[in-house]
Protein backbone atom coordinates (compact mmCIF):
# COMPACT_ATOMS: atom_id res chain seq x y z
CA MET A 1 -4.10 -17.44 33.56
CA PRO A 2 -3.69 -14.37 31.29
CA HIS A 3 -6.82 -12.84 29.79
CA ARG A 4 -7.22 -13.75 26.12
CA LYS A 5 -8.29 -10.86 23.92
CA THR A 6 -11.51 -11.53 22.04
CA ILE A 7 -12.96 -9.75 19.07
CA GLN A 8 -16.44 -9.79 17.64
CA HIS A 9 -16.33 -10.48 13.90
CA TYR A 10 -19.44 -9.43 12.06
CA HIS A 11 -20.15 -9.49 8.38
CA GLU A 12 -22.64 -8.06 5.96
CA PRO A 13 -22.63 -9.32 2.36
CA GLY A 14 -20.46 -7.05 0.26
CA HIS A 15 -18.18 -5.97 3.11
CA LEU A 16 -14.43 -6.34 2.81
CA HIS A 17 -12.36 -6.96 5.94
CA GLU A 18 -9.14 -5.21 6.91
CA LEU A 19 -7.25 -7.61 9.19
CA THR A 20 -4.12 -6.97 11.24
CA PHE A 21 -2.16 -9.41 13.38
CA SER A 22 1.22 -9.12 15.06
CA CYS A 23 4.25 -11.22 15.82
CA PHE A 24 4.77 -12.44 19.39
CA HIS A 25 5.83 -9.54 21.64
CA LYS A 26 5.90 -7.48 18.43
CA LYS A 27 9.31 -8.97 17.63
CA PRO A 28 10.61 -8.25 14.09
CA LEU A 29 10.31 -11.88 12.97
CA LEU A 30 9.29 -11.24 9.34
CA THR A 31 12.63 -9.89 8.17
CA ASN A 32 13.88 -12.61 5.85
CA ASP A 33 12.62 -13.60 2.44
CA ASP A 34 12.38 -17.30 3.24
CA TRP A 35 9.95 -16.80 6.11
CA CYS A 36 7.95 -14.21 4.14
CA SER A 37 7.71 -16.64 1.19
CA ARG A 38 6.42 -19.31 3.55
CA LEU A 39 3.86 -16.86 4.96
CA ALA A 40 2.79 -15.97 1.40
CA ARG A 41 2.16 -19.67 0.64
CA SER A 42 0.24 -20.09 3.89
CA LEU A 43 -1.87 -17.03 3.03
CA ASP A 44 -2.63 -18.35 -0.47
CA ASP A 45 -3.58 -21.79 0.89
CA ALA A 46 -5.79 -20.27 3.60
CA CYS A 47 -7.64 -17.96 1.19
CA ARG A 48 -8.22 -20.81 -1.23
CA SER A 49 -9.52 -23.22 1.41
CA THR A 50 -11.76 -20.70 3.22
CA SER A 51 -13.33 -18.87 0.23
CA PHE A 52 -11.64 -15.48 0.64
CA ASP A 53 -10.03 -13.37 -2.08
CA LEU A 54 -6.94 -11.39 -1.12
CA VAL A 55 -7.40 -7.76 -2.16
CA ALA A 56 -4.27 -6.24 -0.60
CA PHE A 57 -1.51 -7.08 1.87
CA VAL A 58 1.72 -5.94 3.44
CA PHE A 59 4.12 -8.00 5.53
CA MET A 60 5.84 -5.66 7.97
CA PRO A 61 8.77 -6.83 10.13
CA ASN A 62 6.53 -7.33 13.17
CA HIS A 63 2.95 -7.46 11.85
CA VAL A 64 0.74 -8.20 8.85
CA HIS A 65 -2.07 -6.18 7.23
CA LEU A 66 -4.57 -7.86 4.92
CA LEU A 67 -7.61 -6.67 3.01
CA VAL A 68 -9.80 -9.63 2.12
CA ASN A 69 -13.06 -10.14 0.26
CA PRO A 70 -15.18 -13.07 1.52
CA ARG A 71 -16.84 -15.08 -1.23
CA ASP A 72 -19.39 -16.56 1.23
CA ASP A 73 -22.28 -14.65 2.78
CA ALA A 74 -21.33 -15.94 6.24
CA PRO A 75 -17.52 -16.08 6.22
CA ALA A 76 -15.51 -17.56 9.07
CA ILE A 77 -12.85 -14.89 9.56
CA SER A 78 -11.41 -16.63 12.61
CA HIS A 79 -11.04 -19.79 10.52
CA LEU A 80 -9.15 -17.83 7.83
CA LEU A 81 -6.78 -16.42 10.46
CA ASP A 82 -6.23 -19.87 11.99
CA ARG A 83 -5.50 -21.33 8.54
CA ILE A 84 -2.91 -18.62 7.88
CA LYS A 85 -1.22 -18.50 11.28
CA GLN A 86 -1.17 -22.08 12.56
CA PRO A 87 0.47 -23.91 9.60
CA PHE A 88 3.00 -21.11 9.18
CA SER A 89 3.82 -21.11 12.90
CA MET A 90 4.30 -24.89 12.92
CA GLU A 91 6.60 -24.64 9.90
CA ILE A 92 8.73 -21.97 11.57
CA LYS A 93 8.88 -23.96 14.81
CA GLU A 94 10.21 -26.94 12.86
CA LEU A 95 12.83 -24.75 11.15
CA LEU A 96 13.93 -23.33 14.48
CA SER A 97 14.07 -26.82 16.04
CA ASN A 98 16.65 -27.70 13.41
CA GLY A 99 18.64 -24.48 13.77
CA ASN A 100 18.10 -21.37 15.90
CA LYS A 101 17.50 -22.88 19.35
CA ARG A 102 17.88 -19.49 21.04
CA LEU A 103 14.97 -17.94 19.12
CA LEU A 104 12.96 -21.13 19.64
CA ARG A 105 13.38 -20.70 23.42
CA GLN A 106 12.38 -17.01 23.20
CA LEU A 107 9.16 -17.91 21.36
CA THR A 108 8.23 -20.78 23.69
CA VAL A 109 6.11 -19.77 26.68
CA GLN A 110 4.84 -21.52 29.78
CA GLU A 111 1.11 -21.63 29.02
CA ARG A 112 0.18 -23.66 32.11
CA PRO A 113 2.29 -25.36 34.76
CA ASP A 114 2.31 -28.54 32.72
CA ARG A 115 2.37 -27.10 29.21
CA ARG A 116 4.81 -25.07 27.12
CA CYS A 117 3.67 -23.57 23.83
CA PHE A 118 5.44 -22.07 20.78
CA ARG A 119 4.15 -18.58 19.89
CA PHE A 120 5.10 -16.97 16.58
CA TRP A 121 2.02 -14.72 16.65
CA LEU A 122 0.70 -12.50 19.39
CA GLU A 123 -2.17 -14.38 21.01
CA GLY A 124 -5.68 -13.35 20.01
CA PRO A 125 -7.50 -12.51 16.80
CA GLY A 126 -5.81 -9.19 16.04
CA TYR A 127 -7.80 -6.39 14.45
CA ASP A 128 -10.77 -6.64 12.07
CA ARG A 129 -12.47 -3.66 10.45
CA ASN A 130 -15.37 -3.91 8.02
CA ILE A 131 -14.94 -1.94 4.82
CA PHE A 132 -18.19 -1.04 3.07
CA SER A 133 -17.61 2.20 1.15
CA THR A 134 -15.37 3.28 -1.68
CA GLU A 135 -13.78 5.92 0.57
CA ALA A 136 -13.00 3.39 3.29
CA MET A 137 -11.59 0.95 0.73
CA THR A 138 -9.32 3.61 -0.76
CA ALA A 139 -8.17 4.67 2.72
CA SER A 140 -7.49 1.03 3.65
CA LEU A 141 -5.44 0.40 0.50
CA ASP A 142 -3.44 3.59 1.11
CA TYR A 143 -2.87 2.72 4.76
CA ILE A 144 -1.77 -0.84 4.01
CA HIS A 145 0.54 0.07 1.14
CA ASN A 146 2.06 3.14 2.81
CA ASN A 147 2.78 1.41 6.12
CA PRO A 148 6.44 0.64 5.17
CA VAL A 149 6.94 4.25 4.01
CA LYS A 150 5.56 5.65 7.28
CA ARG A 151 7.87 3.34 9.22
CA GLY A 152 10.89 4.55 7.22
CA LEU A 153 11.55 1.15 5.61
CA CYS A 154 11.38 2.47 2.03
CA ASP A 155 10.80 5.72 0.13
CA ARG A 156 7.85 4.60 -2.02
CA ALA A 157 5.18 1.97 -1.33
CA VAL A 158 6.11 0.10 -4.52
CA ASP A 159 9.67 -0.31 -3.22
CA TRP A 160 8.55 -2.60 -0.38
CA LYS A 161 8.96 -6.15 -1.63
CA TRP A 162 6.35 -7.81 0.61
CA SER A 163 3.35 -5.74 -0.42
CA SER A 164 0.63 -5.68 -3.04
CA ALA A 165 1.41 -2.01 -3.82
CA ARG A 166 2.95 -2.89 -7.19
CA TYR A 167 -0.21 -4.75 -8.16
CA TYR A 168 -2.08 -1.45 -8.01
CA SER A 169 0.63 0.74 -9.53
CA SER A 170 1.49 1.52 -13.11
CA GLU A 171 4.97 0.04 -12.58
CA PRO A 172 5.84 -2.80 -14.97
CA GLU A 173 4.58 -6.14 -13.64
CA GLY A 174 8.01 -7.65 -14.25
CA VAL A 175 9.27 -6.10 -11.01
CA GLN A 176 6.68 -7.99 -8.93
CA HIS A 177 8.38 -10.51 -6.66
CA PRO A 178 7.40 -14.03 -7.79
CA GLY A 179 6.93 -15.37 -4.23
CA LEU A 180 4.14 -12.95 -3.32
CA PRO A 181 0.64 -14.17 -2.49
CA HIS A 182 -1.91 -14.10 -5.29
CA VAL A 183 -3.88 -10.83 -5.22
CA HIS A 184 -7.35 -10.86 -6.76
CA GLY A 185 -7.66 -7.10 -6.75
CA LEU A 186 -10.67 -4.98 -6.01
CA PRO A 187 -14.10 -6.58 -6.17
CA ALA A 188 -16.22 -5.81 -9.22
CA GLU A 189 -19.08 -4.33 -7.21
CA VAL A 190 -18.77 -0.65 -6.40
CA TRP A 191 -20.40 0.83 -3.28
CA ASP A 192 -22.58 3.90 -3.27
């Protein structure tokens, strides 16, 4: 049985969390607008049902970066991730069952001798970093928004469709893609 990666989530009131999770085998599965729109809806639903505000995001072809602000003093980060990833994964599995059987086979693994399992996401909780200073928050926003630029996918962060970069820019809001998740923006409290 393969070792499952674990991560210790800890939280202090006022901390933001920078979360990263990847597609199975780091495959570029988030390359079409339909699937990204579905992920955006899943993200909105998960944030709403688990008391998190989305501060920033970027959907890359093979991974996702989020910056979230928990509204509870004892947030369940693993529950947020489950609520994003599981419904979305089930939706994609259903789509593939009705169409792309080849990709469905590639994303289905033998978990145990008697069980096969569909994997859209790389197993495990991904990456979680607490953000508790203005400098760290600024660095996190820059890292998230500039990820597509660093990967050579666009020239400017605001050019990447599946990102909250435009939310923070002075570009006219009319260019914001309507299917993006709802961004709450930076929290009102400012750290020392």
